[in-house]
């Protein structure tokens, strides 16, 4: 059983990932947790019934951006090695380097493409670092 956490402030992006994970890929709704913002992030992560296997983080969100959330998550016991994938739009090569240096395990550029996401997720779950720009 694979569990996911997606932290994203854009309602449409949240809906797309939820539909892809649950309807298209068949993951149980209970295994997909979505936070609409990064407020009280650690408090909410600690309250989860189970630790997520993959965390998708929007980079441009409030009150904490994706880099700040990643830093908090990496300091949390049990999350040091959790797979964390950046989700962002308008990515340039310098941004990918910055994401790598910050400790992200990969990146999926937005908009997320339904015909590509399943293959990217499969590679991520196989332990591969995926850096995909649409």
C-alpha atoms as a PDB file:
ATOM      1  CA  UNK A   1       0.000   0.000   0.000  1.00  0.00           C
ATOM      2  CA  UNK A   2       1.462   3.331  -1.093  1.00  0.00           C
ATOM      3  CA  UNK A   3       0.459   6.558   0.646  1.00  0.00           C
ATOM      4  CA  UNK A   4       0.707  10.059  -0.787  1.00  0.00           C
ATOM      5  CA  UNK A   5       0.674  13.590   0.584  1.00  0.00           C
ATOM      6  CA  UNK A   6       0.215  16.578  -1.723  1.00  0.00           C
ATOM      7  CA  UNK A   7       0.634  20.115  -0.392  1.00  0.00           C
ATOM      8  CA  UNK A   8      -0.777  22.561  -2.943  1.00  0.00           C
ATOM      9  CA  UNK A   9      -2.614  25.873  -2.721  1.00  0.00           C
ATOM     10  CA  UNK A  10      -4.117  25.787  -6.230  1.00  0.00           C
ATOM     11  CA  UNK A  11      -7.547  24.068  -6.187  1.00  0.00           C
ATOM     12  CA  UNK A  12      -7.333  22.880  -9.809  1.00  0.00           C
ATOM     13  CA  UNK A  13      -3.898  21.305  -9.283  1.00  0.00           C
ATOM     14  CA  UNK A  14      -5.174  19.533  -6.147  1.00  0.00           C
ATOM     15  CA  UNK A  15      -8.144  18.159  -8.078  1.00  0.00           C
ATOM     16  CA  UNK A  16      -6.009  16.942 -10.998  1.00  0.00           C
ATOM     17  CA  UNK A  17      -3.622  14.979  -8.756  1.00  0.00           C
ATOM     18  CA  UNK A  18      -6.467  13.544  -6.671  1.00  0.00           C
ATOM     19  CA  UNK A  19      -8.273  12.320  -9.807  1.00  0.00           C
ATOM     20  CA  UNK A  20      -5.063  10.915 -11.308  1.00  0.00           C
ATOM     21  CA  UNK A  21      -4.114   9.026  -8.159  1.00  0.00           C
ATOM     22  CA  UNK A  22      -7.557   7.710  -7.208  1.00  0.00           C
ATOM     23  CA  UNK A  23      -9.565   7.405 -10.420  1.00  0.00           C
ATOM     24  CA  UNK A  24      -6.894   6.860 -13.077  1.00  0.00           C
ATOM     25  CA  UNK A  25      -4.359   4.882 -11.029  1.00  0.00           C
ATOM     26  CA  UNK A  26      -6.721   3.221  -8.535  1.00  0.00           C
ATOM     27  CA  UNK A  27      -5.178   4.296  -5.234  1.00  0.00           C
ATOM     28  CA  UNK A  28      -7.620   4.396  -2.328  1.00  0.00           C
ATOM     29  CA  UNK A  29      -8.856   7.843  -1.303  1.00  0.00           C
ATOM     30  CA  UNK A  30      -7.663   7.049   2.245  1.00  0.00           C
ATOM     31  CA  UNK A  31      -4.120   6.760   0.879  1.00  0.00           C
ATOM     32  CA  UNK A  32      -4.170  10.229  -0.696  1.00  0.00           C
ATOM     33  CA  UNK A  33      -3.953  13.196   1.683  1.00  0.00           C
ATOM     34  CA  UNK A  34      -4.082  16.730   0.337  1.00  0.00           C
ATOM     35  CA  UNK A  35      -3.292  19.899   2.276  1.00  0.00           C
ATOM     36  CA  UNK A  36      -4.672  23.119   0.726  1.00  0.00           C
ATOM     37  CA  UNK A  37      -1.798  25.170   2.168  1.00  0.00           C
ATOM     38  CA  UNK A  38       1.352  24.838   4.248  1.00  0.00           C
ATOM     39  CA  UNK A  39      -0.013  26.389   7.448  1.00  0.00           C
ATOM     40  CA  UNK A  40       0.762  24.343  10.598  1.00  0.00           C
ATOM     41  CA  UNK A  41       2.471  21.841   8.289  1.00  0.00           C
ATOM     42  CA  UNK A  42       4.341  19.767  10.870  1.00  0.00           C
ATOM     43  CA  UNK A  43       1.352  19.667  13.204  1.00  0.00           C
ATOM     44  CA  UNK A  44      -0.811  18.264  10.397  1.00  0.00           C
ATOM     45  CA  UNK A  45       1.857  15.797   9.216  1.00  0.00           C
ATOM     46  CA  UNK A  46       2.256  14.467  12.748  1.00  0.00           C
ATOM     47  CA  UNK A  47      -1.537  13.950  12.915  1.00  0.00           C
ATOM     48  CA  UNK A  48      -1.616  11.756   9.795  1.00  0.00           C
ATOM     49  CA  UNK A  49      -2.701   8.156  10.499  1.00  0.00           C
ATOM     50  CA  UNK A  50       0.323   6.824   8.575  1.00  0.00           C
ATOM     51  CA  UNK A  51       3.518   8.254   7.117  1.00  0.00           C
ATOM     52  CA  UNK A  52       3.254   9.006   3.381  1.00  0.00           C
ATOM     53  CA  UNK A  53       5.619   7.193   1.029  1.00  0.00           C
ATOM     54  CA  UNK A  54       5.703  10.053  -1.472  1.00  0.00           C
ATOM     55  CA  UNK A  55       5.224  13.751  -0.726  1.00  0.00           C
ATOM     56  CA  UNK A  56       4.433  16.141  -3.568  1.00  0.00           C
ATOM     57  CA  UNK A  57       5.163  19.785  -2.702  1.00  0.00           C
ATOM     58  CA  UNK A  58       4.096  22.852  -4.595  1.00  0.00           C
ATOM     59  CA  UNK A  59       7.009  25.275  -4.606  1.00  0.00           C
ATOM     60  CA  UNK A  60       5.116  28.584  -4.747  1.00  0.00           C
ATOM     61  CA  UNK A  61       2.651  28.446  -1.862  1.00  0.00           C
ATOM     62  CA  UNK A  62       1.961  30.244   1.376  1.00  0.00           C
ATOM     63  CA  UNK A  63       2.640  30.686   4.223  1.00  0.00           C
ATOM     64  CA  UNK A  64       5.685  28.416   3.732  1.00  0.00           C
ATOM     65  CA  UNK A  65       7.058  27.735   0.266  1.00  0.00           C
ATOM     66  CA  UNK A  66       8.064  24.267  -0.894  1.00  0.00           C
ATOM     67  CA  UNK A  67      11.703  24.754   0.097  1.00  0.00           C
ATOM     68  CA  UNK A  68      10.739  25.709   3.652  1.00  0.00           C
ATOM     69  CA  UNK A  69       8.330  22.762   3.914  1.00  0.00           C
ATOM     70  CA  UNK A  70      11.026  20.375   2.629  1.00  0.00           C
ATOM     71  CA  UNK A  71      13.467  21.664   5.245  1.00  0.00           C
ATOM     72  CA  UNK A  72      10.926  21.096   8.038  1.00  0.00           C
ATOM     73  CA  UNK A  73      10.075  17.645   6.729  1.00  0.00           C
ATOM     74  CA  UNK A  74      13.716  16.536   6.502  1.00  0.00           C
ATOM     75  CA  UNK A  75      14.233  17.481  10.179  1.00  0.00           C
ATOM     76  CA  UNK A  76      11.189  15.461  11.266  1.00  0.00           C
ATOM     77  CA  UNK A  77      12.115  12.008  12.643  1.00  0.00           C
ATOM     78  CA  UNK A  78      11.219   9.297  10.138  1.00  0.00           C
ATOM     79  CA  UNK A  79      11.050  11.657   7.153  1.00  0.00           C
ATOM     80  CA  UNK A  80      14.769  12.059   6.454  1.00  0.00           C
ATOM     81  CA  UNK A  81      14.623   9.643   3.504  1.00  0.00           C
ATOM     82  CA  UNK A  82      11.012  10.140   2.388  1.00  0.00           C
ATOM     83  CA  UNK A  83      10.644  10.692  -1.347  1.00  0.00           C
ATOM     84  CA  UNK A  84       9.749  14.365  -1.873  1.00  0.00           C
ATOM     85  CA  UNK A  85       8.833  15.568  -5.352  1.00  0.00           C
ATOM     86  CA  UNK A  86       8.604  19.264  -6.239  1.00  0.00           C
ATOM     87  CA  UNK A  87       5.584  20.330  -8.276  1.00  0.00           C
ATOM     88  CA  UNK A  88       6.048  23.649 -10.042  1.00  0.00           C
ATOM     89  CA  UNK A  89       5.334  25.602 -13.199  1.00  0.00           C
ATOM     90  CA  UNK A  90       7.692  27.626 -15.351  1.00  0.00           C
ATOM     91  CA  UNK A  91      10.821  25.645 -14.575  1.00  0.00           C
ATOM     92  CA  UNK A  92      14.230  26.574 -15.920  1.00  0.00           C
ATOM     93  CA  UNK A  93      17.461  24.541 -15.736  1.00  0.00           C
ATOM     94  CA  UNK A  94      18.741  26.722 -12.883  1.00  0.00           C
ATOM     95  CA  UNK A  95      15.557  25.932 -10.935  1.00  0.00           C
ATOM     96  CA  UNK A  96      16.180  22.194 -11.318  1.00  0.00           C
ATOM     97  CA  UNK A  97      19.697  22.602  -9.894  1.00  0.00           C
ATOM     98  CA  UNK A  98      18.304  24.597  -6.968  1.00  0.00           C
ATOM     99  CA  UNK A  99      15.678  21.909  -6.288  1.00  0.00           C
ATOM    100  CA  UNK A 100      18.323  19.159  -6.410  1.00  0.00           C
ATOM    101  CA  UNK A 101      20.639  21.104  -4.110  1.00  0.00           C
ATOM    102  CA  UNK A 102      17.779  21.657  -1.646  1.00  0.00           C
ATOM    103  CA  UNK A 103      17.261  17.893  -1.362  1.00  0.00           C
ATOM    104  CA  UNK A 104      14.206  17.186  -3.488  1.00  0.00           C
ATOM    105  CA  UNK A 105      14.127  13.660  -4.959  1.00  0.00           C
ATOM    106  CA  UNK A 106      12.626  14.882  -8.216  1.00  0.00           C
ATOM    107  CA  UNK A 107      10.366  17.384  -9.906  1.00  0.00           C
ATOM    108  CA  UNK A 108       7.261  17.265 -12.059  1.00  0.00           C
ATOM    109  CA  UNK A 109       6.507  20.440 -13.956  1.00  0.00           C
ATOM    110  CA  UNK A 110       2.982  21.783 -14.112  1.00  0.00           C
ATOM    111  CA  UNK A 111       0.600  21.492 -15.741  1.00  0.00           C
ATOM    112  CA  UNK A 112       0.654  17.795 -14.888  1.00  0.00           C
ATOM    113  CA  UNK A 113      -0.076  15.717 -17.958  1.00  0.00           C
ATOM    114  CA  UNK A 114      -2.435  12.806 -17.449  1.00  0.00           C
ATOM    115  CA  UNK A 115      -0.771  10.785 -20.207  1.00  0.00           C
ATOM    116  CA  UNK A 116       2.700  11.178 -18.638  1.00  0.00           C
ATOM    117  CA  UNK A 117       2.019  11.207 -14.866  1.00  0.00           C
ATOM    118  CA  UNK A 118       1.433   7.428 -14.480  1.00  0.00           C
ATOM    119  CA  UNK A 119       4.833   6.595 -16.010  1.00  0.00           C
ATOM    120  CA  UNK A 120       6.571   9.279 -13.942  1.00  0.00           C
ATOM    121  CA  UNK A 121       4.963   7.964 -10.755  1.00  0.00           C
ATOM    122  CA  UNK A 122       5.991   4.400 -11.595  1.00  0.00           C
ATOM    123  CA  UNK A 123       9.593   5.538 -12.011  1.00  0.00           C
ATOM    124  CA  UNK A 124       9.429   7.484  -8.727  1.00  0.00           C
ATOM    125  CA  UNK A 125       8.044   4.459  -6.872  1.00  0.00           C
ATOM    126  CA  UNK A 126      10.884   2.390  -8.349  1.00  0.00           C
ATOM    127  CA  UNK A 127      13.330   4.769  -6.633  1.00  0.00           C
ATOM    128  CA  UNK A 128      14.333   6.713  -9.709  1.00  0.00           C
ATOM    129  CA  UNK A 129      14.982  10.468  -9.540  1.00  0.00           C
ATOM    130  CA  UNK A 130      12.593  12.036 -12.037  1.00  0.00           C
ATOM    131  CA  UNK A 131      13.130  15.602 -13.293  1.00  0.00           C
ATOM    132  CA  UNK A 132      10.324  16.236 -15.781  1.00  0.00           C
ATOM    133  CA  UNK A 133       9.465  19.516 -17.459  1.00  0.00           C
ATOM    134  CA  UNK A 134       6.429  19.574 -19.758  1.00  0.00           C
END
